C-alpha atoms as a PDB file:
ATOM      1  CA  UNK A   1     -24.812   2.697  50.960  1.00  0.00           C
ATOM      2  CA  UNK A   2     -26.154   5.068  48.558  1.00  0.00           C
ATOM      3  CA  UNK A   3     -25.320   4.626  44.940  1.00  0.00           C
ATOM      4  CA  UNK A   4     -24.656   7.675  42.931  1.00  0.00           C
ATOM      5  CA  UNK A   5     -26.984   8.402  40.051  1.00  0.00           C
ATOM      6  CA  UNK A   6     -26.698  10.124  36.654  1.00  0.00           C
ATOM      7  CA  UNK A   7     -22.970   9.911  36.943  1.00  0.00           C
ATOM      8  CA  UNK A   8     -21.582  10.843  33.563  1.00  0.00           C
ATOM      9  CA  UNK A   9     -19.957   7.907  31.663  1.00  0.00           C
ATOM     10  CA  UNK A  10     -15.992   7.787  31.562  1.00  0.00           C
ATOM     11  CA  UNK A  11     -14.705   9.219  28.267  1.00  0.00           C
ATOM     12  CA  UNK A  12     -13.137   6.822  25.939  1.00  0.00           C
ATOM     13  CA  UNK A  13      -9.566   7.504  25.227  1.00  0.00           C
ATOM     14  CA  UNK A  14      -9.009   8.990  21.894  1.00  0.00           C
ATOM     15  CA  UNK A  15      -7.789   6.641  19.276  1.00  0.00           C
ATOM     16  CA  UNK A  16      -6.509   7.841  16.253  1.00  0.00           C
ATOM     17  CA  UNK A  17      -6.420   6.164  12.777  1.00  0.00           C
ATOM     18  CA  UNK A  18      -3.349   5.451  10.511  1.00  0.00           C
ATOM     19  CA  UNK A  19      -5.211   7.404   7.635  1.00  0.00           C
ATOM     20  CA  UNK A  20      -5.272  10.675   9.853  1.00  0.00           C
ATOM     21  CA  UNK A  21      -3.034  13.294   8.572  1.00  0.00           C
ATOM     22  CA  UNK A  22      -1.416  13.972  12.142  1.00  0.00           C
ATOM     23  CA  UNK A  23      -1.632  10.818  14.313  1.00  0.00           C
ATOM     24  CA  UNK A  24      -3.055  11.280  17.751  1.00  0.00           C
ATOM     25  CA  UNK A  25      -0.964   8.371  19.152  1.00  0.00           C
ATOM     26  CA  UNK A  26       2.240   9.238  21.021  1.00  0.00           C
ATOM     27  CA  UNK A  27       5.320   8.354  19.113  1.00  0.00           C
ATOM     28  CA  UNK A  28       6.832   5.098  20.116  1.00  0.00           C
ATOM     29  CA  UNK A  29       9.313   4.081  17.308  1.00  0.00           C
ATOM     30  CA  UNK A  30      10.143   0.505  16.776  1.00  0.00           C
ATOM     31  CA  UNK A  31      12.440  -1.381  14.197  1.00  0.00           C
ATOM     32  CA  UNK A  32      10.878  -4.115  11.908  1.00  0.00           C
ATOM     33  CA  UNK A  33      12.545  -6.567   9.629  1.00  0.00           C
ATOM     34  CA  UNK A  34      11.547  -7.567   6.134  1.00  0.00           C
ATOM     35  CA  UNK A  35      13.212 -10.392   4.973  1.00  0.00           C
ATOM     36  CA  UNK A  36      11.689 -12.251   1.922  1.00  0.00           C
ATOM     37  CA  UNK A  37      13.790 -14.035  -0.813  1.00  0.00           C
ATOM     38  CA  UNK A  38      16.783 -11.690  -1.770  1.00  0.00           C
ATOM     39  CA  UNK A  39      15.484  -8.734  -0.129  1.00  0.00           C
ATOM     40  CA  UNK A  40      16.457  -7.668   3.456  1.00  0.00           C
ATOM     41  CA  UNK A  41      15.327  -4.400   4.881  1.00  0.00           C
ATOM     42  CA  UNK A  42      15.436  -2.913   8.481  1.00  0.00           C
ATOM     43  CA  UNK A  43      12.545  -0.341   8.580  1.00  0.00           C
ATOM     44  CA  UNK A  44      11.654   2.095  11.399  1.00  0.00           C
ATOM     45  CA  UNK A  45       7.946   2.168  12.246  1.00  0.00           C
ATOM     46  CA  UNK A  46       5.863   3.967  14.748  1.00  0.00           C
ATOM     47  CA  UNK A  47       2.662   4.231  16.452  1.00  0.00           C
ATOM     48  CA  UNK A  48      -0.371   5.982  14.342  1.00  0.00           C
ATOM     49  CA  UNK A  49       1.020   4.580  11.187  1.00  0.00           C
ATOM     50  CA  UNK A  50      -0.473   1.371   9.322  1.00  0.00           C
ATOM     51  CA  UNK A  51       1.535  -1.851  10.266  1.00  0.00           C
ATOM     52  CA  UNK A  52       3.656  -0.395  13.029  1.00  0.00           C
ATOM     53  CA  UNK A  53       3.779  -3.574  15.145  1.00  0.00           C
ATOM     54  CA  UNK A  54       4.779  -5.954  12.201  1.00  0.00           C
ATOM     55  CA  UNK A  55       5.080  -5.948   8.503  1.00  0.00           C
ATOM     56  CA  UNK A  56       1.355  -6.459   7.464  1.00  0.00           C
ATOM     57  CA  UNK A  57       0.495  -9.873   5.751  1.00  0.00           C
ATOM     58  CA  UNK A  58      -1.115  -8.161   2.960  1.00  0.00           C
ATOM     59  CA  UNK A  59       2.064  -6.116   2.215  1.00  0.00           C
ATOM     60  CA  UNK A  60       3.807  -9.415   2.323  1.00  0.00           C
ATOM     61  CA  UNK A  61       1.480 -11.086  -0.048  1.00  0.00           C
ATOM     62  CA  UNK A  62       1.471  -8.218  -2.511  1.00  0.00           C
ATOM     63  CA  UNK A  63       5.411  -8.167  -2.566  1.00  0.00           C
ATOM     64  CA  UNK A  64       5.383 -11.837  -3.128  1.00  0.00           C
ATOM     65  CA  UNK A  65       2.658 -12.173  -5.573  1.00  0.00           C
ATOM     66  CA  UNK A  66       2.610  -9.045  -7.791  1.00  0.00           C
ATOM     67  CA  UNK A  67       4.604  -8.892 -10.998  1.00  0.00           C
ATOM     68  CA  UNK A  68       7.821  -6.921 -11.056  1.00  0.00           C
ATOM     69  CA  UNK A  69       7.639  -3.398 -11.553  1.00  0.00           C
ATOM     70  CA  UNK A  70       8.532  -1.724 -14.862  1.00  0.00           C
ATOM     71  CA  UNK A  71      12.158  -0.841 -15.035  1.00  0.00           C
ATOM     72  CA  UNK A  72      11.598   2.797 -15.642  1.00  0.00           C
ATOM     73  CA  UNK A  73       8.974   5.420 -15.542  1.00  0.00           C
ATOM     74  CA  UNK A  74       6.816   6.711 -12.706  1.00  0.00           C
ATOM     75  CA  UNK A  75       5.622   4.167 -10.099  1.00  0.00           C
ATOM     76  CA  UNK A  76       2.957   4.725  -7.133  1.00  0.00           C
ATOM     77  CA  UNK A  77       2.927   3.019  -3.891  1.00  0.00           C
ATOM     78  CA  UNK A  78      -0.683   4.297  -2.957  1.00  0.00           C
ATOM     79  CA  UNK A  79      -1.017   4.444   0.970  1.00  0.00           C
ATOM     80  CA  UNK A  80       2.687   3.871   1.539  1.00  0.00           C
ATOM     81  CA  UNK A  81       2.782   3.782   5.318  1.00  0.00           C
ATOM     82  CA  UNK A  82       6.442   3.708   6.383  1.00  0.00           C
ATOM     83  CA  UNK A  83       7.516   2.507   2.951  1.00  0.00           C
ATOM     84  CA  UNK A  84       8.094  -1.381   2.438  1.00  0.00           C
ATOM     85  CA  UNK A  85       6.356  -1.376  -0.925  1.00  0.00           C
ATOM     86  CA  UNK A  86       7.925   1.732  -2.225  1.00  0.00           C
ATOM     87  CA  UNK A  87      11.422   0.692  -1.133  1.00  0.00           C
ATOM     88  CA  UNK A  88      10.862  -2.813  -2.688  1.00  0.00           C
ATOM     89  CA  UNK A  89       9.827  -1.458  -5.863  1.00  0.00           C
ATOM     90  CA  UNK A  90      12.847   1.150  -5.775  1.00  0.00           C
ATOM     91  CA  UNK A  91      15.133  -1.823  -5.377  1.00  0.00           C
ATOM     92  CA  UNK A  92      13.804  -3.722  -8.230  1.00  0.00           C
ATOM     93  CA  UNK A  93      13.724  -0.875 -10.435  1.00  0.00           C
ATOM     94  CA  UNK A  94      16.541   1.642  -9.518  1.00  0.00           C
ATOM     95  CA  UNK A  95      15.939   3.684 -12.719  1.00  0.00           C
ATOM     96  CA  UNK A  96      12.324   4.438 -11.861  1.00  0.00           C
ATOM     97  CA  UNK A  97      10.909   7.268  -9.811  1.00  0.00           C
ATOM     98  CA  UNK A  98       8.780   5.833  -6.900  1.00  0.00           C
ATOM     99  CA  UNK A  99       6.110   7.912  -5.523  1.00  0.00           C
ATOM    100  CA  UNK A 100       5.262   6.900  -2.018  1.00  0.00           C
ATOM    101  CA  UNK A 101       1.787   8.790  -1.303  1.00  0.00           C
ATOM    102  CA  UNK A 102       0.263   8.989   2.099  1.00  0.00           C
ATOM    103  CA  UNK A 103      -1.838  11.606   3.890  1.00  0.00           C
ATOM    104  CA  UNK A 104      -0.142  10.578   7.213  1.00  0.00           C
ATOM    105  CA  UNK A 105       2.779  13.082   8.009  1.00  0.00           C
ATOM    106  CA  UNK A 106       4.451  10.650  10.428  1.00  0.00           C
ATOM    107  CA  UNK A 107       4.283   7.878   7.770  1.00  0.00           C
ATOM    108  CA  UNK A 108       6.083  10.051   5.152  1.00  0.00           C
ATOM    109  CA  UNK A 109       8.757  11.213   7.595  1.00  0.00           C
ATOM    110  CA  UNK A 110       9.418   7.465   8.241  1.00  0.00           C
ATOM    111  CA  UNK A 111       9.434   6.600   4.511  1.00  0.00           C
ATOM    112  CA  UNK A 112      11.998   9.344   3.874  1.00  0.00           C
ATOM    113  CA  UNK A 113      14.262   8.000   6.700  1.00  0.00           C
ATOM    114  CA  UNK A 114      13.799   4.196   5.684  1.00  0.00           C
ATOM    115  CA  UNK A 115      14.456   5.101   1.966  1.00  0.00           C
ATOM    116  CA  UNK A 116      17.685   6.871   2.837  1.00  0.00           C
ATOM    117  CA  UNK A 117      18.723   4.043   5.168  1.00  0.00           C
ATOM    118  CA  UNK A 118      18.144   1.551   2.271  1.00  0.00           C
ATOM    119  CA  UNK A 119      19.958   3.863  -0.375  1.00  0.00           C
ATOM    120  CA  UNK A 120      16.920   4.113  -2.535  1.00  0.00           C
ATOM    121  CA  UNK A 121      17.192   7.622  -3.526  1.00  0.00           C
ATOM    122  CA  UNK A 122      14.515   7.224  -6.273  1.00  0.00           C
ATOM    123  CA  UNK A 123      11.770   7.026  -3.802  1.00  0.00           C
ATOM    124  CA  UNK A 124       9.796  10.284  -3.196  1.00  0.00           C
ATOM    125  CA  UNK A 125       7.507  10.438  -0.146  1.00  0.00           C
ATOM    126  CA  UNK A 126       4.633  12.877  -0.954  1.00  0.00           C
ATOM    127  CA  UNK A 127       1.232  14.097   0.247  1.00  0.00           C
ATOM    128  CA  UNK A 128      -1.317  13.409  -2.554  1.00  0.00           C
ATOM    129  CA  UNK A 129      -1.371  17.132  -3.540  1.00  0.00           C
ATOM    130  CA  UNK A 130       2.338  16.969  -3.974  1.00  0.00           C
ATOM    131  CA  UNK A 131       2.300  14.752  -7.037  1.00  0.00           C
ATOM    132  CA  UNK A 132       2.318  16.806 -10.145  1.00  0.00           C
ATOM    133  CA  UNK A 133      -1.077  16.410 -11.835  1.00  0.00           C
ATOM    134  CA  UNK A 134       0.635  15.543 -15.324  1.00  0.00           C
ATOM    135  CA  UNK A 135       2.454  12.592 -13.895  1.00  0.00           C
ATOM    136  CA  UNK A 136       1.219   9.275 -15.355  1.00  0.00           C
ATOM    137  CA  UNK A 137       2.078   5.918 -13.704  1.00  0.00           C
ATOM    138  CA  UNK A 138       3.776   2.952 -15.326  1.00  0.00           C
ATOM    139  CA  UNK A 139       2.173   0.921 -12.691  1.00  0.00           C
ATOM    140  CA  UNK A 140       0.495   1.269  -9.205  1.00  0.00           C
ATOM    141  CA  UNK A 141       0.881  -0.869  -6.307  1.00  0.00           C
ATOM    142  CA  UNK A 142      -1.207  -0.606  -3.042  1.00  0.00           C
ATOM    143  CA  UNK A 143      -2.361  -2.183   0.166  1.00  0.00           C
ATOM    144  CA  UNK A 144      -5.277   0.349   0.197  1.00  0.00           C
ATOM    145  CA  UNK A 145      -6.742   1.851   3.378  1.00  0.00           C
ATOM    146  CA  UNK A 146      -9.768  -0.427   3.283  1.00  0.00           C
ATOM    147  CA  UNK A 147     -10.791   0.669   6.931  1.00  0.00           C
ATOM    148  CA  UNK A 148     -11.348   4.170   5.970  1.00  0.00           C
ATOM    149  CA  UNK A 149     -14.718   3.153   4.584  1.00  0.00           C
ATOM    150  CA  UNK A 150     -16.203   2.135   1.305  1.00  0.00           C
ATOM    151  CA  UNK A 151     -17.115   5.544   0.119  1.00  0.00           C
ATOM    152  CA  UNK A 152     -13.583   7.207   0.827  1.00  0.00           C
ATOM    153  CA  UNK A 153     -11.818   4.178  -0.596  1.00  0.00           C
ATOM    154  CA  UNK A 154     -13.948   4.512  -3.785  1.00  0.00           C
ATOM    155  CA  UNK A 155     -12.861   8.065  -3.827  1.00  0.00           C
ATOM    156  CA  UNK A 156      -9.229   7.235  -3.433  1.00  0.00           C
ATOM    157  CA  UNK A 157      -9.191   4.827  -6.307  1.00  0.00           C
ATOM    158  CA  UNK A 158     -11.280   7.049  -8.655  1.00  0.00           C
ATOM    159  CA  UNK A 159      -8.630   9.799  -8.008  1.00  0.00           C
ATOM    160  CA  UNK A 160      -5.586   7.819  -8.971  1.00  0.00           C
ATOM    161  CA  UNK A 161      -6.515   4.950 -11.218  1.00  0.00           C
ATOM    162  CA  UNK A 162      -7.290   7.160 -14.141  1.00  0.00           C
ATOM    163  CA  UNK A 163      -3.467   8.315 -13.932  1.00  0.00           C
ATOM    164  CA  UNK A 164      -2.267   5.078 -15.055  1.00  0.00           C
ATOM    165  CA  UNK A 165      -0.352   5.289 -18.436  1.00  0.00           C
ATOM    166  CA  UNK A 166      -1.872   3.628 -21.324  1.00  0.00           C
ATOM    167  CA  UNK A 167      -1.305  -0.231 -21.002  1.00  0.00           C
ATOM    168  CA  UNK A 168      -0.371   0.126 -17.246  1.00  0.00           C
ATOM    169  CA  UNK A 169      -1.845  -2.000 -14.475  1.00  0.00           C
ATOM    170  CA  UNK A 170      -2.546  -1.386 -10.887  1.00  0.00           C
ATOM    171  CA  UNK A 171      -1.876  -4.096  -8.321  1.00  0.00           C
ATOM    172  CA  UNK A 172      -4.110  -4.023  -5.120  1.00  0.00           C
ATOM    173  CA  UNK A 173      -4.006  -6.462  -2.236  1.00  0.00           C
ATOM    174  CA  UNK A 174      -7.227  -6.564  -0.149  1.00  0.00           C
ATOM    175  CA  UNK A 175      -8.388  -9.082   2.462  1.00  0.00           C
ATOM    176  CA  UNK A 176     -11.314 -11.375   1.555  1.00  0.00           C
ATOM    177  CA  UNK A 177     -13.306 -10.668   4.685  1.00  0.00           C
ATOM    178  CA  UNK A 178     -12.801  -7.004   4.269  1.00  0.00           C
ATOM    179  CA  UNK A 179     -14.429  -6.838   0.918  1.00  0.00           C
ATOM    180  CA  UNK A 180     -12.050  -7.755  -1.816  1.00  0.00           C
ATOM    181  CA  UNK A 181     -14.640  -9.433  -4.180  1.00  0.00           C
ATOM    182  CA  UNK A 182     -17.152  -6.597  -3.888  1.00  0.00           C
ATOM    183  CA  UNK A 183     -14.354  -4.075  -4.568  1.00  0.00           C
ATOM    184  CA  UNK A 184     -13.377  -6.060  -7.616  1.00  0.00           C
ATOM    185  CA  UNK A 185     -17.017  -6.004  -8.715  1.00  0.00           C
ATOM    186  CA  UNK A 186     -17.303  -2.277  -8.130  1.00  0.00           C
ATOM    187  CA  UNK A 187     -14.083  -1.756 -10.161  1.00  0.00           C
ATOM    188  CA  UNK A 188     -15.468  -3.768 -13.034  1.00  0.00           C
ATOM    189  CA  UNK A 189     -18.706  -1.628 -12.885  1.00  0.00           C
ATOM    190  CA  UNK A 190     -16.529   1.597 -13.329  1.00  0.00           C
ATOM    191  CA  UNK A 191     -15.327   0.101 -16.674  1.00  0.00           C
ATOM    192  CA  UNK A 192     -11.878  -1.555 -15.263  1.00  0.00           C
ATOM    193  CA  UNK A 193     -10.556  -4.864 -16.460  1.00  0.00           C
ATOM    194  CA  UNK A 194      -9.947  -6.782 -13.201  1.00  0.00           C
ATOM    195  CA  UNK A 195      -8.336  -9.994 -12.758  1.00  0.00           C
ATOM    196  CA  UNK A 196      -7.643 -11.957  -9.407  1.00  0.00           C
ATOM    197  CA  UNK A 197      -3.739 -12.861  -9.706  1.00  0.00           C
ATOM    198  CA  UNK A 198      -3.622 -14.734  -6.498  1.00  0.00           C
ATOM    199  CA  UNK A 199      -5.691 -15.598  -3.347  1.00  0.00           C
ATOM    200  CA  UNK A 200      -3.540 -16.652  -0.457  1.00  0.00           C
ATOM    201  CA  UNK A 201      -3.862 -16.619   3.408  1.00  0.00           C
ATOM    202  CA  UNK A 202      -7.277 -14.647   3.028  1.00  0.00           C
ATOM    203  CA  UNK A 203      -5.756 -11.964   0.672  1.00  0.00           C
ATOM    204  CA  UNK A 204      -6.608 -11.428  -2.944  1.00  0.00           C
ATOM    205  CA  UNK A 205      -4.153  -9.594  -5.172  1.00  0.00           C
ATOM    206  CA  UNK A 206      -6.053  -7.834  -7.979  1.00  0.00           C
ATOM    207  CA  UNK A 207      -4.767  -6.674 -11.287  1.00  0.00           C
ATOM    208  CA  UNK A 208      -6.566  -3.602 -12.531  1.00  0.00           C
ATOM    209  CA  UNK A 209      -6.376  -1.963 -15.956  1.00  0.00           C
ATOM    210  CA  UNK A 210      -8.397   0.405 -18.040  1.00  0.00           C
ATOM    211  CA  UNK A 211     -10.992  -1.331 -20.095  1.00  0.00           C
ATOM    212  CA  UNK A 212      -9.970  -4.687 -21.658  1.00  0.00           C
ATOM    213  CA  UNK A 213      -6.261  -3.939 -21.624  1.00  0.00           C
ATOM    214  CA  UNK A 214      -3.968  -5.972 -19.516  1.00  0.00           C
ATOM    215  CA  UNK A 215      -0.314  -6.405 -19.800  1.00  0.00           C
ATOM    216  CA  UNK A 216       0.853  -9.892 -20.960  1.00  0.00           C
ATOM    217  CA  UNK A 217       3.193 -10.297 -18.079  1.00  0.00           C
ATOM    218  CA  UNK A 218       0.285 -10.995 -15.610  1.00  0.00           C
ATOM    219  CA  UNK A 219      -0.776 -14.303 -14.390  1.00  0.00           C
ATOM    220  CA  UNK A 220       0.738 -17.449 -12.656  1.00  0.00           C
ATOM    221  CA  UNK A 221       3.877 -17.301 -14.692  1.00  0.00           C
ATOM    222  CA  UNK A 222       4.552 -13.539 -13.866  1.00  0.00           C
ATOM    223  CA  UNK A 223       7.977 -12.994 -11.663  1.00  0.00           C
ATOM    224  CA  UNK A 224       6.920 -11.500  -8.574  1.00  0.00           C
ATOM    225  CA  UNK A 225       8.460  -8.339  -7.048  1.00  0.00           C
ATOM    226  CA  UNK A 226      10.135 -10.516  -4.426  1.00  0.00           C
ATOM    227  CA  UNK A 227      11.532 -14.056  -5.006  1.00  0.00           C
ATOM    228  CA  UNK A 228      10.762 -15.997  -2.029  1.00  0.00           C
ATOM    229  CA  UNK A 229      12.568 -18.908  -1.016  1.00  0.00           C
ATOM    230  CA  UNK A 230      11.066 -21.800   0.884  1.00  0.00           C
ATOM    231  CA  UNK A 231      12.553 -20.694   4.163  1.00  0.00           C
ATOM    232  CA  UNK A 232      10.668 -17.277   3.906  1.00  0.00           C
ATOM    233  CA  UNK A 233       7.313 -18.332   3.283  1.00  0.00           C
END
């Protein structure tokens, strides 16, 4: 039996990324539940969006460990996905305007629908260029897209961190084995003050502020966004 030679390799199926503007993955919506402490949300997720199968552990860690958002002003959820962080912030600070920013159009559509279902009308789902340039943020919360690559991730942070209002902080959650410590070192080299608020289940929660400025609410005694009861941890 002859064996065919020089057969072209089978083409690998296309796989999009959650940071693509228009996901290649076919839509297959699913309902996810976020229940931590006194917050219970039912969220619609979909293929091609970050955390589509389950609420990401990093997101849960940030919500449990980062300090409460300011009660008013502009808040930013950078890389919002389908909106769990933005909606939690909006629930905690109903007088604030929460910008849920993502490049993924499907993610933004889901955020709008989830915010409407949660009755958090203070959430504004936006593409990056849709945020007015004069807006300064009273706080930034992010589970950043580290898989986009180090260079694009640095560019992303260099674009948004300078938009913190004077005295404001950014709170980032990054998996330790995906470069949280090297990211903290890079941020410090850019002139930011970086503190590690928590290390839990392989994730670091970092607080980032301009220069040596840090709000006094930080640290182990800070009240987290979500108060977790023993059954929810």
